[in-house]
Amino acid sequence: SHLPKRLVADYTNGSKYLNPPYDVAQIPFKKLTHIIHAGVPWNSDGSLSVPDGFVEPELIKKAHKNGVKVMLLTGGDFAAIEGSEQVFDIVLANLQSFVTTNDYDGIDIDWEFPSDNTDRAFFVTLMTRLRETFPSPRYELSADLAPWNAPYYNMKRLKDQTDFFNLMVYDCAGPWTSIGH
């Protein structure tokens, strides 16, 4: 990496439609090591819901030219893949095809939110299967974790499959909590 530490930024495909727009031309690639490109969810049948205009070859090209890795943010119907090995296999195959076709450097999992011990165990299974599908060192895996859900993340087992974790803090305080009042 060209930077001494990991510096990760999210880039949402919808940003280019804002007023004013924020698109690939404004990304400070030289200040980053990773971009998480949000997002492509999967459906209960295993298909991917790729938003119109999501695929941006220029994003990947400019990132790679600057030594920046681009990871695909994904998540979806976790109950569907937990309940059906066939759907799980379809999701993995579709993600593998999308990632390799578009030259992504890995996957970032966004699961909002595991909420019981079954989810806790399945998260490990999910990350293990993703690591098998996206082997290191060619691909990196990350996961977005919420601090208030700490009991539902088996960190001891997740860290073996995951390159890094992203801490979600945007819902930690607000009018719905006693913090910050």
C-alpha atoms as a PDB file:
ATOM      1  CA  SER A   1       0.000   0.000   0.000  1.00  0.00           C
ATOM      2  CA  HIS A   2       1.081   3.567  -0.626  1.00  0.00           C
ATOM      3  CA  LEU A   3      -0.190   4.671   2.801  1.00  0.00           C
ATOM      4  CA  PRO A   4       1.143   3.519   6.200  1.00  0.00           C
ATOM      5  CA  LYS A   5      -2.354   2.561   7.460  1.00  0.00           C
ATOM      6  CA  ARG A   6      -5.603   1.331   6.018  1.00  0.00           C
ATOM      7  CA  LEU A   7      -7.918   4.177   5.064  1.00  0.00           C
ATOM      8  CA  VAL A   8     -11.313   3.039   3.822  1.00  0.00           C
ATOM      9  CA  ALA A   9     -14.015   5.160   2.205  1.00  0.00           C
ATOM     10  CA  ASP A  10     -17.535   4.267   1.139  1.00  0.00           C
ATOM     11  CA  TYR A  11     -18.703   5.267  -2.295  1.00  0.00           C
ATOM     12  CA  THR A  12     -22.374   4.870  -3.120  1.00  0.00           C
ATOM     13  CA  ASN A  13     -23.372   4.711  -6.750  1.00  0.00           C
ATOM     14  CA  GLY A  14     -26.246   7.113  -6.036  1.00  0.00           C
ATOM     15  CA  SER A  15     -23.783   9.867  -5.088  1.00  0.00           C
ATOM     16  CA  LYS A  16     -23.343  10.813  -8.721  1.00  0.00           C
ATOM     17  CA  TYR A  17     -27.040  11.755  -8.893  1.00  0.00           C
ATOM     18  CA  LEU A  18     -26.910  14.195  -5.956  1.00  0.00           C
ATOM     19  CA  ASN A  19     -26.972  17.948  -6.344  1.00  0.00           C
ATOM     20  CA  PRO A  20     -24.110  18.693  -6.452  1.00  0.00           C
ATOM     21  CA  PRO A  21     -22.978  15.301  -7.719  1.00  0.00           C
ATOM     22  CA  TYR A  22     -20.116  13.376  -6.156  1.00  0.00           C
ATOM     23  CA  ASP A  23     -18.644  10.926  -8.598  1.00  0.00           C
ATOM     24  CA  VAL A  24     -15.422   9.134  -9.454  1.00  0.00           C
ATOM     25  CA  ALA A  25     -13.770  12.399 -10.516  1.00  0.00           C
ATOM     26  CA  GLN A  26     -13.949  13.735  -6.932  1.00  0.00           C
ATOM     27  CA  ILE A  27     -12.582  10.660  -5.131  1.00  0.00           C
ATOM     28  CA  PRO A  28      -9.179  11.416  -3.517  1.00  0.00           C
ATOM     29  CA  PHE A  29      -7.605   8.098  -4.529  1.00  0.00           C
ATOM     30  CA  LYS A  30      -4.124   9.049  -3.304  1.00  0.00           C
ATOM     31  CA  LYS A  31      -5.488   9.394   0.254  1.00  0.00           C
ATOM     32  CA  LEU A  32      -7.116   5.933   0.336  1.00  0.00           C
ATOM     33  CA  THR A  33      -6.196   2.276   0.489  1.00  0.00           C
ATOM     34  CA  HIS A  34      -9.723   0.868  -0.014  1.00  0.00           C
ATOM     35  CA  ILE A  35     -13.063   1.941  -1.423  1.00  0.00           C
ATOM     36  CA  ILE A  36     -16.200   0.074  -0.457  1.00  0.00           C
ATOM     37  CA  HIS A  37     -18.582   0.396  -3.384  1.00  0.00           C
ATOM     38  CA  ALA A  38     -22.141   0.297  -2.049  1.00  0.00           C
ATOM     39  CA  GLY A  39     -24.114  -1.743  -2.788  1.00  0.00           C
ATOM     40  CA  VAL A  40     -25.527  -4.804  -4.492  1.00  0.00           C
ATOM     41  CA  PRO A  41     -27.973  -6.796  -2.355  1.00  0.00           C
ATOM     42  CA  TRP A  42     -29.098 -10.335  -3.064  1.00  0.00           C
ATOM     43  CA  ASN A  43     -32.703 -11.499  -3.184  1.00  0.00           C
ATOM     44  CA  SER A  44     -34.408 -14.489  -1.572  1.00  0.00           C
ATOM     45  CA  ASP A  45     -33.895 -16.515  -4.799  1.00  0.00           C
ATOM     46  CA  GLY A  46     -30.140 -15.793  -4.832  1.00  0.00           C
ATOM     47  CA  SER A  47     -30.225 -13.268  -7.669  1.00  0.00           C
ATOM     48  CA  LEU A  48     -28.420  -9.951  -7.290  1.00  0.00           C
ATOM     49  CA  SER A  49     -30.218  -6.578  -7.408  1.00  0.00           C
ATOM     50  CA  VAL A  50     -27.748  -4.454  -9.325  1.00  0.00           C
ATOM     51  CA  PRO A  51     -28.963  -0.836  -9.359  1.00  0.00           C
ATOM     52  CA  ASP A  52     -29.099   0.966 -12.695  1.00  0.00           C
ATOM     53  CA  GLY A  53     -25.800   2.710 -13.334  1.00  0.00           C
ATOM     54  CA  PHE A  54     -24.036   0.811 -10.552  1.00  0.00           C
ATOM     55  CA  VAL A  55     -21.194  -0.666 -12.589  1.00  0.00           C
ATOM     56  CA  GLU A  56     -18.554   2.027 -13.019  1.00  0.00           C
ATOM     57  CA  PRO A  57     -15.472   0.680 -14.827  1.00  0.00           C
ATOM     58  CA  GLU A  58     -13.776   4.072 -14.372  1.00  0.00           C
ATOM     59  CA  LEU A  59     -13.973   3.651 -10.567  1.00  0.00           C
ATOM     60  CA  ILE A  60     -12.074   0.357 -10.695  1.00  0.00           C
ATOM     61  CA  LYS A  61      -9.608   1.622 -13.319  1.00  0.00           C
ATOM     62  CA  LYS A  62      -8.692   4.814 -11.420  1.00  0.00           C
ATOM     63  CA  ALA A  63      -8.550   3.026  -8.069  1.00  0.00           C
ATOM     64  CA  HIS A  64      -6.246   0.298  -9.346  1.00  0.00           C
ATOM     65  CA  LYS A  65      -4.052   2.863 -11.130  1.00  0.00           C
ATOM     66  CA  ASN A  66      -3.567   4.511  -7.714  1.00  0.00           C
ATOM     67  CA  GLY A  67      -3.007   1.251  -5.800  1.00  0.00           C
ATOM     68  CA  VAL A  68      -6.466   1.372  -4.174  1.00  0.00           C
ATOM     69  CA  LYS A  69      -8.559  -1.761  -3.701  1.00  0.00           C
ATOM     70  CA  VAL A  70     -12.283  -1.634  -4.464  1.00  0.00           C
ATOM     71  CA  MET A  71     -14.584  -3.935  -2.519  1.00  0.00           C
ATOM     72  CA  LEU A  72     -18.215  -4.652  -3.291  1.00  0.00           C
ATOM     73  CA  LEU A  73     -20.612  -3.978  -0.419  1.00  0.00           C
ATOM     74  CA  THR A  74     -23.312  -6.627  -0.329  1.00  0.00           C
ATOM     75  CA  GLY A  75     -25.923  -8.101   1.932  1.00  0.00           C
ATOM     76  CA  GLY A  76     -29.445  -9.253   1.520  1.00  0.00           C
ATOM     77  CA  ASP A  77     -31.914 -11.868   2.537  1.00  0.00           C
ATOM     78  CA  PHE A  78     -29.777 -13.614   5.153  1.00  0.00           C
ATOM     79  CA  ALA A  79     -32.663 -15.873   6.241  1.00  0.00           C
ATOM     80  CA  ALA A  80     -32.995 -17.190   2.682  1.00  0.00           C
ATOM     81  CA  ILE A  81     -29.356 -18.266   2.441  1.00  0.00           C
ATOM     82  CA  GLU A  82     -29.348 -19.616   5.979  1.00  0.00           C
ATOM     83  CA  GLY A  83     -32.439 -21.697   5.247  1.00  0.00           C
ATOM     84  CA  SER A  84     -31.411 -23.071   1.847  1.00  0.00           C
ATOM     85  CA  GLU A  85     -28.038 -24.433   0.814  1.00  0.00           C
ATOM     86  CA  GLN A  86     -29.171 -24.134  -2.809  1.00  0.00           C
ATOM     87  CA  VAL A  87     -29.932 -20.398  -2.471  1.00  0.00           C
ATOM     88  CA  PHE A  88     -26.664 -19.902  -0.561  1.00  0.00           C
ATOM     89  CA  ASP A  89     -24.751 -21.539  -3.432  1.00  0.00           C
ATOM     90  CA  ILE A  90     -26.560 -19.340  -5.977  1.00  0.00           C
ATOM     91  CA  VAL A  91     -25.697 -16.174  -4.030  1.00  0.00           C
ATOM     92  CA  LEU A  92     -22.031 -17.190  -3.821  1.00  0.00           C
ATOM     93  CA  ALA A  93     -21.898 -18.048  -7.546  1.00  0.00           C
ATOM     94  CA  ASN A  94     -23.580 -14.764  -8.490  1.00  0.00           C
ATOM     95  CA  LEU A  95     -21.249 -12.741  -6.256  1.00  0.00           C
ATOM     96  CA  GLN A  96     -18.217 -14.541  -7.648  1.00  0.00           C
ATOM     97  CA  SER A  97     -19.329 -13.842 -11.209  1.00  0.00           C
ATOM     98  CA  PHE A  98     -20.069 -10.173 -10.495  1.00  0.00           C
ATOM     99  CA  VAL A  99     -16.829  -9.573  -8.592  1.00  0.00           C
ATOM    100  CA  THR A 100     -14.594 -11.267 -11.160  1.00  0.00           C
ATOM    101  CA  THR A 101     -16.383  -9.766 -14.185  1.00  0.00           C
ATOM    102  CA  ASN A 102     -16.040  -6.256 -12.763  1.00  0.00           C
ATOM    103  CA  ASP A 103     -12.527  -6.714 -11.282  1.00  0.00           C
ATOM    104  CA  TYR A 104     -13.393  -6.017  -7.644  1.00  0.00           C
ATOM    105  CA  ASP A 105     -10.796  -6.804  -4.984  1.00  0.00           C
ATOM    106  CA  GLY A 106     -13.142  -8.287  -2.425  1.00  0.00           C
ATOM    107  CA  ILE A 107     -16.432  -8.256  -0.585  1.00  0.00           C
ATOM    108  CA  ASP A 108     -17.728  -6.170   2.312  1.00  0.00           C
ATOM    109  CA  ILE A 109     -20.685  -7.731   4.159  1.00  0.00           C
ATOM    110  CA  ASP A 110     -23.351  -5.441   5.543  1.00  0.00           C
ATOM    111  CA  TRP A 111     -25.776  -7.373   7.775  1.00  0.00           C
ATOM    112  CA  GLU A 112     -28.077  -5.114   9.746  1.00  0.00           C
ATOM    113  CA  PHE A 113     -28.166  -6.862  12.161  1.00  0.00           C
ATOM    114  CA  PRO A 114     -27.510 -10.339  13.551  1.00  0.00           C
ATOM    115  CA  SER A 115     -29.797 -10.592  16.556  1.00  0.00           C
ATOM    116  CA  ASP A 116     -29.618 -14.052  18.115  1.00  0.00           C
ATOM    117  CA  ASN A 117     -27.298 -17.021  18.606  1.00  0.00           C
ATOM    118  CA  THR A 118     -28.434 -18.633  15.344  1.00  0.00           C
ATOM    119  CA  ASP A 119     -27.372 -15.483  13.470  1.00  0.00           C
ATOM    120  CA  ARG A 120     -24.114 -15.441  15.435  1.00  0.00           C
ATOM    121  CA  ALA A 121     -23.252 -18.952  14.253  1.00  0.00           C
ATOM    122  CA  PHE A 122     -24.422 -18.308  10.710  1.00  0.00           C
ATOM    123  CA  PHE A 123     -22.286 -15.188  10.362  1.00  0.00           C
ATOM    124  CA  VAL A 124     -19.212 -17.409  10.835  1.00  0.00           C
ATOM    125  CA  THR A 125     -20.555 -19.835   8.218  1.00  0.00           C
ATOM    126  CA  LEU A 126     -21.196 -16.959   5.824  1.00  0.00           C
ATOM    127  CA  MET A 127     -17.716 -15.511   6.171  1.00  0.00           C
ATOM    128  CA  THR A 128     -16.145 -18.984   5.914  1.00  0.00           C
ATOM    129  CA  ARG A 129     -18.005 -19.718   2.668  1.00  0.00           C
ATOM    130  CA  LEU A 130     -17.119 -16.276   1.318  1.00  0.00           C
ATOM    131  CA  ARG A 131     -13.433 -16.877   2.097  1.00  0.00           C
ATOM    132  CA  GLU A 132     -13.622 -20.200   0.235  1.00  0.00           C
ATOM    133  CA  THR A 133     -15.208 -18.408  -2.736  1.00  0.00           C
ATOM    134  CA  PHE A 134     -12.876 -15.406  -2.542  1.00  0.00           C
ATOM    135  CA  PRO A 135      -9.472 -16.750  -1.464  1.00  0.00           C
ATOM    136  CA  SER A 136      -6.781 -14.630   0.121  1.00  0.00           C
ATOM    137  CA  PRO A 137      -4.548 -12.917  -0.879  1.00  0.00           C
ATOM    138  CA  ARG A 138      -6.269 -12.122  -4.203  1.00  0.00           C
ATOM    139  CA  TYR A 139      -9.466 -11.039  -2.445  1.00  0.00           C
ATOM    140  CA  GLU A 140     -10.115  -9.249   0.821  1.00  0.00           C
ATOM    141  CA  LEU A 141     -13.156  -9.697   3.043  1.00  0.00           C
ATOM    142  CA  SER A 142     -14.529  -7.162   5.475  1.00  0.00           C
ATOM    143  CA  ALA A 143     -17.678  -6.945   7.552  1.00  0.00           C
ATOM    144  CA  ASP A 144     -19.617  -4.027   8.949  1.00  0.00           C
ATOM    145  CA  LEU A 145     -20.285  -4.498  12.663  1.00  0.00           C
ATOM    146  CA  ALA A 146     -22.539  -2.579  15.032  1.00  0.00           C
ATOM    147  CA  PRO A 147     -21.111  -2.052  18.541  1.00  0.00           C
ATOM    148  CA  TRP A 148     -24.487  -2.565  20.227  1.00  0.00           C
ATOM    149  CA  ASN A 149     -24.701  -6.060  18.712  1.00  0.00           C
ATOM    150  CA  ALA A 150     -21.339  -7.242  20.049  1.00  0.00           C
ATOM    151  CA  PRO A 151     -22.740 -10.441  21.627  1.00  0.00           C
ATOM    152  CA  TYR A 152     -23.895 -11.602  18.178  1.00  0.00           C
ATOM    153  CA  TYR A 153     -20.445 -11.471  16.588  1.00  0.00           C
ATOM    154  CA  ASN A 154     -18.184 -14.432  17.266  1.00  0.00           C
ATOM    155  CA  MET A 155     -15.026 -12.371  16.864  1.00  0.00           C
ATOM    156  CA  LYS A 156     -12.733 -15.248  17.750  1.00  0.00           C
ATOM    157  CA  ARG A 157     -13.972 -17.189  14.704  1.00  0.00           C
ATOM    158  CA  LEU A 158     -14.795 -14.250  12.403  1.00  0.00           C
ATOM    159  CA  LYS A 159     -11.277 -12.826  12.563  1.00  0.00           C
ATOM    160  CA  ASP A 160      -9.898 -16.008  10.967  1.00  0.00           C
ATOM    161  CA  GLN A 161     -11.913 -15.425   7.776  1.00  0.00           C
ATOM    162  CA  THR A 162     -12.011 -11.630   7.655  1.00  0.00           C
ATOM    163  CA  ASP A 163      -9.270  -9.194   6.713  1.00  0.00           C
ATOM    164  CA  PHE A 164     -10.791  -6.255   8.585  1.00  0.00           C
ATOM    165  CA  PHE A 165     -13.943  -4.984  10.260  1.00  0.00           C
ATOM    166  CA  ASN A 166     -15.727  -1.690   9.774  1.00  0.00           C
ATOM    167  CA  LEU A 167     -17.401  -0.270  12.847  1.00  0.00           C
ATOM    168  CA  MET A 168     -20.882   1.104  12.165  1.00  0.00           C
ATOM    169  CA  VAL A 169     -21.440   4.045  14.466  1.00  0.00           C
ATOM    170  CA  TYR A 170     -24.043   6.075  12.609  1.00  0.00           C
ATOM    171  CA  ASP A 171     -26.954   4.699  14.700  1.00  0.00           C
ATOM    172  CA  CYS A 172     -25.212   4.728  18.091  1.00  0.00           C
ATOM    173  CA  ALA A 173     -26.803   7.915  19.394  1.00  0.00           C
ATOM    174  CA  GLY A 174     -29.651  10.162  18.483  1.00  0.00           C
ATOM    175  CA  PRO A 175     -33.157  11.078  19.551  1.00  0.00           C
ATOM    176  CA  TRP A 176     -33.898   7.364  20.082  1.00  0.00           C
ATOM    177  CA  THR A 177     -31.270   7.041  22.874  1.00  0.00           C
ATOM    178  CA  SER A 178     -30.429   8.831  26.103  1.00  0.00           C
ATOM    179  CA  ILE A 179     -26.905   9.521  24.783  1.00  0.00           C
ATOM    180  CA  GLY A 180     -26.221  13.034  23.617  1.00  0.00           C
ATOM    181  CA  HIS A 181     -29.245  14.727  25.199  1.00  0.00           C
END
